[in-house]
N, C-alpha and C. Protein backbone atom coordinates (compact mmCIF):
# COMPACT_ATOMS: atom_id res chain seq x y z
N UNK A 1 21.63 3.83 3.08
CA UNK A 1 22.20 2.89 1.61
C UNK A 1 23.08 4.01 0.18
N UNK A 2 24.45 3.86 1.27
CA UNK A 2 25.61 5.45 0.44
C UNK A 2 25.80 4.77 -1.83
N UNK A 3 25.09 3.90 -1.71
CA UNK A 3 23.65 3.82 -2.56
C UNK A 3 22.88 3.43 -3.81
N UNK A 4 21.92 4.08 -2.57
CA UNK A 4 20.89 5.17 -3.18
C UNK A 4 21.23 6.28 -3.27
N UNK A 5 22.12 7.28 -1.78
CA UNK A 5 21.98 8.62 -3.13
C UNK A 5 22.81 8.86 -3.89
N UNK A 6 23.97 7.80 -4.61
CA UNK A 6 24.14 8.07 -5.51
C UNK A 6 23.05 7.45 -6.95
N UNK A 7 21.89 7.01 -6.94
CA UNK A 7 21.36 6.44 -8.02
C UNK A 7 20.68 8.50 -7.96
N UNK A 8 20.13 8.01 -6.56
CA UNK A 8 19.37 9.90 -6.58
C UNK A 8 20.20 10.59 -6.94
N UNK A 9 21.10 10.80 -7.40
CA UNK A 9 21.66 11.98 -7.61
C UNK A 9 22.33 11.23 -9.26
N UNK A 10 21.63 10.58 -10.03
CA UNK A 10 21.48 10.47 -11.05
C UNK A 10 20.95 11.44 -12.70
N UNK A 11 19.86 11.92 -11.50
CA UNK A 11 18.97 12.61 -12.13
C UNK A 11 19.41 13.96 -13.46
N UNK A 12 20.54 13.93 -13.86
CA UNK A 12 20.85 14.62 -14.90
C UNK A 12 21.98 13.92 -15.66
N UNK A 13 21.95 13.42 -15.61
CA UNK A 13 22.86 11.81 -16.67
C UNK A 13 22.03 11.58 -18.02
N UNK A 14 22.91 10.58 -18.74
CA UNK A 14 23.13 10.73 -20.38
C UNK A 14 22.40 10.12 -20.79
N UNK A 15 21.86 8.84 -19.89
CA UNK A 15 21.06 7.72 -19.88
C UNK A 15 19.66 8.18 -20.82
N UNK A 16 19.38 7.00 -21.97
CA UNK A 16 17.94 6.77 -22.50
C UNK A 16 16.94 7.46 -21.80
N UNK A 17 17.58 5.48 -21.08
CA UNK A 17 15.57 6.11 -20.12
C UNK A 17 16.59 6.23 -18.70
N UNK A 18 15.90 6.03 -17.83
CA UNK A 18 16.17 6.71 -15.95
C UNK A 18 14.92 6.16 -15.37
N UNK A 19 15.22 4.77 -14.31
CA UNK A 19 13.37 5.10 -13.42
C UNK A 19 13.59 5.80 -12.73
N UNK A 20 12.74 6.76 -12.12
CA UNK A 20 12.32 7.36 -10.88
C UNK A 20 12.86 6.61 -9.48
N UNK A 21 13.76 7.57 -9.21
CA UNK A 21 13.87 6.50 -8.02
C UNK A 21 12.82 7.17 -6.51
N UNK A 22 12.90 6.60 -5.41
CA UNK A 22 12.29 7.56 -4.59
C UNK A 22 13.38 6.95 -3.44
N UNK A 23 13.05 7.68 -1.70
CA UNK A 23 13.70 7.22 -0.89
C UNK A 23 13.23 6.52 0.43
N UNK A 24 13.57 6.35 1.23
CA UNK A 24 13.00 5.20 2.98
C UNK A 24 11.38 5.79 3.01
N UNK A 25 11.58 7.61 3.14
CA UNK A 25 10.29 8.31 3.27
C UNK A 25 9.40 8.01 2.65
N UNK A 26 9.88 7.74 1.07
CA UNK A 26 8.21 8.17 0.33
C UNK A 26 8.64 6.97 0.34
N UNK A 27 8.97 4.79 0.18
CA UNK A 27 8.50 4.13 -0.30
C UNK A 27 7.94 3.69 1.77
N UNK A 28 8.05 3.92 2.49
CA UNK A 28 6.74 3.98 3.99
C UNK A 28 5.26 4.56 3.77
N UNK A 29 5.92 5.94 2.69
CA UNK A 29 4.44 6.33 2.60
C UNK A 29 3.07 5.74 1.97
N UNK A 30 4.00 4.96 1.04
CA UNK A 30 3.64 3.76 0.11
C UNK A 30 3.10 3.37 0.25
N UNK A 31 3.32 2.52 1.78
CA UNK A 31 3.06 1.58 2.38
C UNK A 31 2.65 1.38 3.63
N UNK A 32 2.24 1.98 4.14
CA UNK A 32 2.41 1.97 5.81
C UNK A 32 0.35 2.52 5.97
N UNK A 33 0.46 1.61 6.64
CA UNK A 33 -1.38 0.98 6.82
C UNK A 33 -1.93 1.31 5.81
N UNK A 34 -1.04 -0.60 4.93
CA UNK A 34 -2.10 -0.69 3.90
C UNK A 34 -2.52 -2.37 4.20
N UNK A 35 -3.56 -2.77 3.72
CA UNK A 35 -3.28 -3.67 3.56
C UNK A 35 -3.11 -4.84 2.92
N UNK A 36 -2.13 -5.55 2.84
CA UNK A 36 -2.17 -6.88 1.68
C UNK A 36 -3.69 -7.95 1.97
N UNK A 37 -3.96 -8.14 0.36
CA UNK A 37 -5.25 -8.50 -0.31
C UNK A 37 -4.66 -9.63 -1.03
N UNK A 38 -3.72 -9.63 -1.60
CA UNK A 38 -3.34 -10.70 -1.90
C UNK A 38 -2.65 -11.22 -2.33
N UNK A 39 -1.55 -12.09 -2.69
CA UNK A 39 -0.09 -12.07 -3.48
C UNK A 39 0.45 -13.02 -4.05
N UNK A 40 1.65 -12.86 -4.90
CA UNK A 40 2.56 -14.07 -5.07
C UNK A 40 4.04 -14.37 -5.14
N UNK A 41 4.78 -15.27 -5.14
CA UNK A 41 5.96 -15.11 -4.78
C UNK A 41 6.59 -13.70 -5.72
N UNK A 42 5.23 -13.24 -6.63
CA UNK A 42 6.09 -12.10 -7.74
C UNK A 42 5.80 -9.95 -7.44
N UNK A 43 4.37 -10.13 -6.86
CA UNK A 43 4.30 -9.30 -6.32
C UNK A 43 3.12 -9.27 -5.19
N UNK A 44 2.89 -8.23 -3.85
CA UNK A 44 1.61 -7.59 -2.96
C UNK A 44 0.95 -6.92 -4.28
N UNK A 45 -0.31 -6.98 -3.63
CA UNK A 45 -2.17 -6.15 -3.98
C UNK A 45 -2.27 -5.42 -3.06
N UNK A 46 -1.93 -4.13 -2.75
CA UNK A 46 -2.56 -3.90 -1.45
C UNK A 46 -3.82 -3.40 -1.35
N UNK A 47 -4.92 -3.12 -0.57
CA UNK A 47 -6.41 -2.63 -0.99
C UNK A 47 -6.09 -1.42 -1.56
N UNK A 48 -6.01 -1.06 -1.83
CA UNK A 48 -6.61 0.27 -2.40
C UNK A 48 -6.06 0.65 -3.96
N UNK A 49 -5.49 -0.66 -4.21
CA UNK A 49 -4.89 -1.44 -5.92
C UNK A 49 -2.87 -1.15 -5.95
N UNK A 50 -2.78 -1.03 -4.62
CA UNK A 50 -1.12 -0.68 -4.88
C UNK A 50 -0.33 -2.23 -5.45
N UNK A 51 -0.32 -1.96 -6.42
CA UNK A 51 0.37 -3.64 -6.43
C UNK A 51 2.10 -3.01 -6.67
N UNK A 52 3.39 -4.25 -5.37
CA UNK A 52 4.82 -4.00 -5.16
C UNK A 52 5.40 -5.10 -5.49
N UNK A 53 6.23 -4.47 -6.11
CA UNK A 53 7.11 -5.75 -7.20
C UNK A 53 8.62 -5.62 -6.64
N UNK A 54 9.40 -6.28 -6.78
CA UNK A 54 11.05 -6.63 -6.99
C UNK A 54 11.40 -6.99 -8.07
N UNK A 55 12.18 -5.70 -8.77
CA UNK A 55 12.70 -6.43 -10.12
C UNK A 55 14.06 -4.71 -10.17
N UNK A 56 14.08 -5.77 -11.30
CA UNK A 56 15.59 -4.38 -11.59
C UNK A 56 15.92 -3.68 -11.70
N UNK A 57 16.37 -2.71 -11.21
CA UNK A 57 16.16 -1.46 -12.29
C UNK A 57 17.10 -0.46 -13.12
N UNK A 58 18.50 -1.49 -12.67
CA UNK A 58 19.61 -0.99 -13.88
C UNK A 58 20.63 -2.31 -13.37
N UNK A 59 21.00 -2.04 -14.58
CA UNK A 59 21.70 -3.23 -14.96
C UNK A 59 22.50 -3.56 -16.83
N UNK A 60 23.29 -3.17 -16.78
CA UNK A 60 24.58 -3.54 -17.63
C UNK A 60 24.85 -5.08 -17.72
N UNK A 61 24.76 -5.42 -19.31
CA UNK A 61 25.04 -7.25 -19.86
C UNK A 61 24.69 -8.41 -18.90
N UNK A 62 25.66 -8.67 -18.17
CA UNK A 62 26.18 -10.14 -18.14
C UNK A 62 25.03 -9.66 -16.37
N UNK A 63 24.63 -8.36 -15.97
CA UNK A 63 24.48 -8.36 -14.81
C UNK A 63 22.64 -8.20 -14.46
N UNK A 64 23.22 -9.03 -13.15
CA UNK A 64 20.99 -8.62 -12.92
C UNK A 64 20.25 -8.11 -11.93
N UNK A 65 19.50 -8.79 -11.39
CA UNK A 65 18.80 -8.44 -10.07
C UNK A 65 16.96 -9.31 -10.28
N UNK A 66 17.21 -9.97 -8.42
CA UNK A 66 15.71 -10.97 -9.20
C UNK A 66 15.39 -10.32 -7.10
N UNK A 67 13.94 -10.89 -7.27
CA UNK A 67 14.04 -10.78 -5.34
C UNK A 67 12.88 -11.29 -5.74
N UNK A 68 12.04 -11.95 -4.79
CA UNK A 68 10.70 -13.12 -4.81
C UNK A 68 10.24 -12.52 -3.01
N UNK A 69 8.82 -12.60 -3.10
CA UNK A 69 8.26 -12.69 -2.45
C UNK A 69 7.54 -13.71 -0.92
N UNK A 70 7.98 -14.25 -0.24
CA UNK A 70 7.30 -15.38 0.34
C UNK A 70 7.11 -14.80 2.02
N UNK A 71 6.01 -16.32 2.80
CA UNK A 71 5.42 -16.08 4.10
C UNK A 71 4.56 -14.93 4.15
N UNK A 72 3.89 -14.53 3.40
CA UNK A 72 2.88 -13.24 3.14
C UNK A 72 1.91 -13.82 3.57
N UNK A 73 1.73 -12.85 5.01
CA UNK A 73 -0.28 -13.50 5.32
C UNK A 73 -0.70 -12.22 4.75
N UNK A 74 -2.43 -12.08 4.81
CA UNK A 74 -3.38 -11.42 4.47
C UNK A 74 -4.05 -10.70 5.11
N UNK A 75 -4.41 -9.33 5.35
CA UNK A 75 -5.33 -8.94 5.35
C UNK A 75 -4.48 -8.46 6.77
N UNK A 76 -3.17 -8.56 7.12
CA UNK A 76 -2.79 -7.80 8.47
C UNK A 76 -2.49 -5.89 8.02
N UNK A 77 -3.02 -5.14 8.38
CA UNK A 77 -1.83 -4.37 7.97
C UNK A 77 -0.23 -3.59 7.84
N UNK A 78 -0.53 -3.08 7.02
CA UNK A 78 1.60 -2.68 7.83
C UNK A 78 1.51 -1.47 8.21
N UNK A 79 2.74 -2.19 9.45
CA UNK A 79 2.81 -0.93 10.37
C UNK A 79 4.72 -0.07 10.21
N UNK A 80 5.40 -0.79 9.46
CA UNK A 80 6.36 -1.29 9.35
C UNK A 80 7.05 -1.62 8.01
N UNK A 81 7.81 -1.28 7.62
CA UNK A 81 8.42 -1.94 6.53
C UNK A 81 10.34 -1.79 6.57
N UNK A 82 10.99 -3.05 6.79
CA UNK A 82 12.88 -2.38 7.71
C UNK A 82 14.00 -3.66 6.18
N UNK A 83 14.70 -3.23 5.78
CA UNK A 83 15.38 -3.85 4.83
C UNK A 83 17.17 -4.53 5.50
N UNK A 84 17.67 -5.47 5.46
CA UNK A 84 18.20 -6.08 6.11
C UNK A 84 19.17 -4.65 5.28
N UNK A 85 20.37 -5.59 6.10
CA UNK A 85 22.23 -4.57 5.25
C UNK A 85 22.25 -5.82 4.14
N UNK A 86 23.61 -4.70 3.60
CA UNK A 86 23.72 -5.67 2.35
C UNK A 86 24.80 -6.52 2.70
N UNK A 87 24.17 -8.05 2.46
CA UNK A 87 25.67 -9.12 2.03
C UNK A 87 25.93 -9.66 0.87
N UNK A 88 27.46 -9.53 1.26
CA UNK A 88 27.66 -10.83 0.04
C UNK A 88 27.64 -12.03 0.66
N UNK A 89 27.04 -12.57 -0.59
CA UNK A 89 26.18 -13.68 -0.94
C UNK A 89 27.30 -15.28 -0.97
N UNK A 90 27.98 -13.77 -2.00
CA UNK A 90 29.28 -15.38 -2.82
C UNK A 90 29.89 -13.93 -4.04
N UNK A 91 31.40 -14.47 -4.15
CA UNK A 91 32.21 -13.78 -4.90
C UNK A 91 33.24 -15.11 -5.37
N UNK A 92 32.97 -14.64 -6.63
CA UNK A 92 34.21 -15.09 -7.11
C UNK A 92 34.31 -14.22 -8.42
N UNK A 93 35.86 -14.85 -9.49
CA UNK A 93 36.76 -14.32 -9.73
C UNK A 93 36.52 -14.41 -10.97
N UNK A 94 35.30 -15.36 -11.64
CA UNK A 94 35.09 -15.14 -12.88
C UNK A 94 34.22 -15.12 -12.46
N UNK A 95 32.35 -15.34 -12.05
CA UNK A 95 31.56 -14.58 -11.62
C UNK A 95 30.84 -13.47 -11.45
N UNK A 96 32.35 -13.32 -10.62
CA UNK A 96 31.98 -11.55 -9.93
C UNK A 96 31.07 -11.91 -8.35
N UNK A 97 30.20 -10.88 -8.17
CA UNK A 97 30.12 -10.54 -6.84
C UNK A 97 27.77 -11.09 -6.70
N UNK A 98 27.15 -11.17 -5.88
CA UNK A 98 26.07 -11.51 -5.61
C UNK A 98 25.95 -10.79 -4.21
N UNK A 99 25.09 -9.72 -4.05
CA UNK A 99 25.28 -9.22 -3.56
C UNK A 99 23.88 -9.76 -2.40
N UNK A 100 22.78 -9.73 -1.71
CA UNK A 100 21.90 -9.66 -0.86
C UNK A 100 20.83 -9.24 -0.16
N UNK A 101 19.62 -9.11 0.11
CA UNK A 101 19.56 -8.37 1.85
C UNK A 101 17.95 -8.68 1.50
N UNK A 102 17.16 -8.01 2.97
CA UNK A 102 16.41 -9.08 3.15
C UNK A 102 15.09 -8.06 3.64
N UNK A 103 14.18 -8.10 3.18
CA UNK A 103 12.89 -6.56 2.85
C UNK A 103 12.04 -7.87 4.29
N UNK A 104 11.45 -7.05 5.41
CA UNK A 104 10.24 -7.81 6.09
C UNK A 104 9.38 -6.26 6.22
N UNK A 105 8.51 -6.82 5.91
CA UNK A 105 7.03 -5.78 6.55
C UNK A 105 6.41 -6.08 7.58
N UNK A 106 5.87 -5.66 8.58
CA UNK A 106 5.20 -5.76 9.87
C UNK A 106 4.34 -5.62 10.05
N UNK A 107 3.37 -6.48 10.63
CA UNK A 107 2.10 -5.74 11.31
C UNK A 107 2.17 -5.66 12.34
N UNK A 108 2.68 -4.20 13.49
CA UNK A 108 3.15 -4.05 14.73
C UNK A 108 4.37 -4.99 15.19
N UNK A 109 4.68 -6.17 15.70
CA UNK A 109 5.65 -6.39 15.97
C UNK A 109 6.45 -8.33 15.70
N UNK A 110 5.21 -7.80 14.36
CA UNK A 110 4.54 -9.63 13.84
C UNK A 110 5.23 -8.76 12.40
N UNK A 111 6.50 -10.31 11.48
CA UNK A 111 6.20 -10.67 10.50
C UNK A 111 5.40 -11.16 9.39
N UNK A 112 4.69 -10.23 8.71
CA UNK A 112 3.06 -10.16 8.27
C UNK A 112 4.19 -10.79 6.17
N UNK A 113 4.75 -10.65 5.60
CA UNK A 113 5.85 -10.17 5.10
C UNK A 113 7.21 -10.84 4.31
N UNK A 114 8.10 -11.54 3.94
CA UNK A 114 9.78 -11.26 3.96
C UNK A 114 9.93 -11.02 2.00
N UNK A 115 11.04 -11.10 1.94
CA UNK A 115 11.51 -10.93 0.47
C UNK A 115 12.41 -10.82 1.00
N UNK A 116 13.57 -11.34 -0.28
CA UNK A 116 14.69 -12.04 -0.75
C UNK A 116 14.98 -11.15 -1.71
N UNK A 117 15.94 -10.43 -2.28
CA UNK A 117 16.91 -9.44 -3.09
C UNK A 117 17.78 -9.91 -3.41
N UNK A 118 18.74 -10.20 -4.60
CA UNK A 118 20.06 -10.75 -5.47
C UNK A 118 20.49 -9.65 -6.31
N UNK A 119 21.39 -8.67 -6.20
CA UNK A 119 21.88 -8.47 -7.05
C UNK A 119 23.14 -9.22 -7.81
N UNK A 120 23.50 -8.71 -8.84
CA UNK A 120 24.96 -9.95 -9.31
C UNK A 120 25.31 -9.21 -10.36
N UNK A 121 27.16 -8.73 -10.31
CA UNK A 121 27.89 -7.53 -11.02
C UNK A 121 28.28 -8.71 -12.19
N UNK A 122 28.41 -9.73 -12.51
CA UNK A 122 29.04 -10.60 -14.10
C UNK A 122 29.81 -10.42 -14.26
N UNK A 123 30.37 -11.37 -14.53
CA UNK A 123 31.40 -11.89 -14.95
C UNK A 123 32.63 -11.28 -14.68
N UNK A 124 32.88 -11.88 -13.71
CA UNK A 124 34.37 -10.85 -12.52
C UNK A 124 34.17 -9.67 -12.19
N UNK A 125 32.50 -9.27 -12.65
CA UNK A 125 32.66 -7.61 -11.47
C UNK A 125 32.76 -7.22 -12.64
N UNK A 126 32.77 -7.59 -13.60
CA UNK A 126 32.87 -6.04 -14.14
C UNK A 126 31.48 -4.67 -15.09
N UNK A 127 30.78 -5.41 -14.90
CA UNK A 127 29.36 -4.74 -14.80
C UNK A 127 28.61 -4.79 -13.46
N UNK A 128 27.46 -4.54 -13.57
CA UNK A 128 26.75 -4.30 -12.40
C UNK A 128 25.30 -3.72 -12.35
N UNK A 129 24.07 -4.15 -11.32
CA UNK A 129 23.15 -4.45 -11.22
C UNK A 129 22.33 -3.16 -10.25
N UNK A 130 20.68 -2.90 -10.38
CA UNK A 130 20.33 -2.40 -9.03
C UNK A 130 18.45 -3.37 -8.66
N UNK A 131 18.78 -2.91 -7.58
CA UNK A 131 17.51 -4.66 -7.86
C UNK A 131 16.93 -3.18 -6.76
N UNK A 132 15.40 -3.58 -6.69
CA UNK A 132 14.37 -1.90 -6.64
C UNK A 132 12.94 -3.04 -6.06
N UNK A 133 12.48 -2.42 -4.67
CA UNK A 133 10.96 -2.00 -4.35
C UNK A 133 10.63 -1.82 -5.75
N UNK A 134 9.42 -1.95 -6.17
CA UNK A 134 8.60 -0.78 -7.04
C UNK A 134 7.47 -0.38 -6.68
N UNK A 135 6.04 0.82 -7.16
CA UNK A 135 5.30 0.83 -6.45
C UNK A 135 5.02 1.65 -7.42
N UNK A 136 4.19 2.01 -8.23
CA UNK A 136 4.14 2.92 -9.45
C UNK A 136 4.85 3.48 -9.58
N UNK A 137 5.79 2.81 -11.18
CA UNK A 137 6.58 2.94 -11.65
C UNK A 137 7.19 3.72 -10.25
N UNK A 138 7.69 3.57 -9.41
CA UNK A 138 8.58 4.45 -8.56
C UNK A 138 9.87 3.59 -8.40
N UNK A 139 10.95 3.88 -8.21
CA UNK A 139 11.76 2.35 -8.26
C UNK A 139 12.28 2.88 -6.86
N UNK A 140 12.57 1.97 -5.44
CA UNK A 140 12.73 2.01 -4.10
C UNK A 140 13.78 0.79 -4.12
N UNK A 141 15.26 1.07 -4.43
CA UNK A 141 16.45 0.63 -4.13
C UNK A 141 16.80 -0.50 -2.76
N UNK A 142 17.10 -1.31 -3.08
CA UNK A 142 17.67 -1.94 -2.15
C UNK A 142 18.98 -2.57 -1.91
N UNK A 143 19.62 -2.88 -2.72
CA UNK A 143 20.31 -4.23 -3.18
C UNK A 143 21.30 -3.54 -4.76
N UNK A 144 22.67 -4.18 -4.35
CA UNK A 144 23.44 -3.13 -5.68
C UNK A 144 24.61 -4.53 -5.78
N UNK A 145 24.94 -4.10 -7.09
CA UNK A 145 26.36 -4.67 -7.46
C UNK A 145 27.10 -4.62 -8.20
């Protein structure tokens, strides 16, 4: 994802707060071969105490990002994670556009958790937002608008 590379390059910016970004390799290192033991639509709890959330990493003004977990099966070991290609799900000259991805967490070839995440650019596309999977305060960007 091209926008992820741009975010990772923002380390030398002038913002007062910038999240710490990670890449897909680090995301897999944080998740693989662990079990999901508890969940709700806002977070996954792994057996080692790790909490996984979906959050807005960056935004300005009227834009934002939101995500929810669903269809989670407990006690299966995570063997892979895949993120769909980003798709525009709505676009309007006044409201801007909304992009979305689906996240799939696997045990072998079986999906054991899903999440949907959307980001919008608000107010006719003038603003922006970035949505991420967050683990231990490290943001793994998955969608932007």
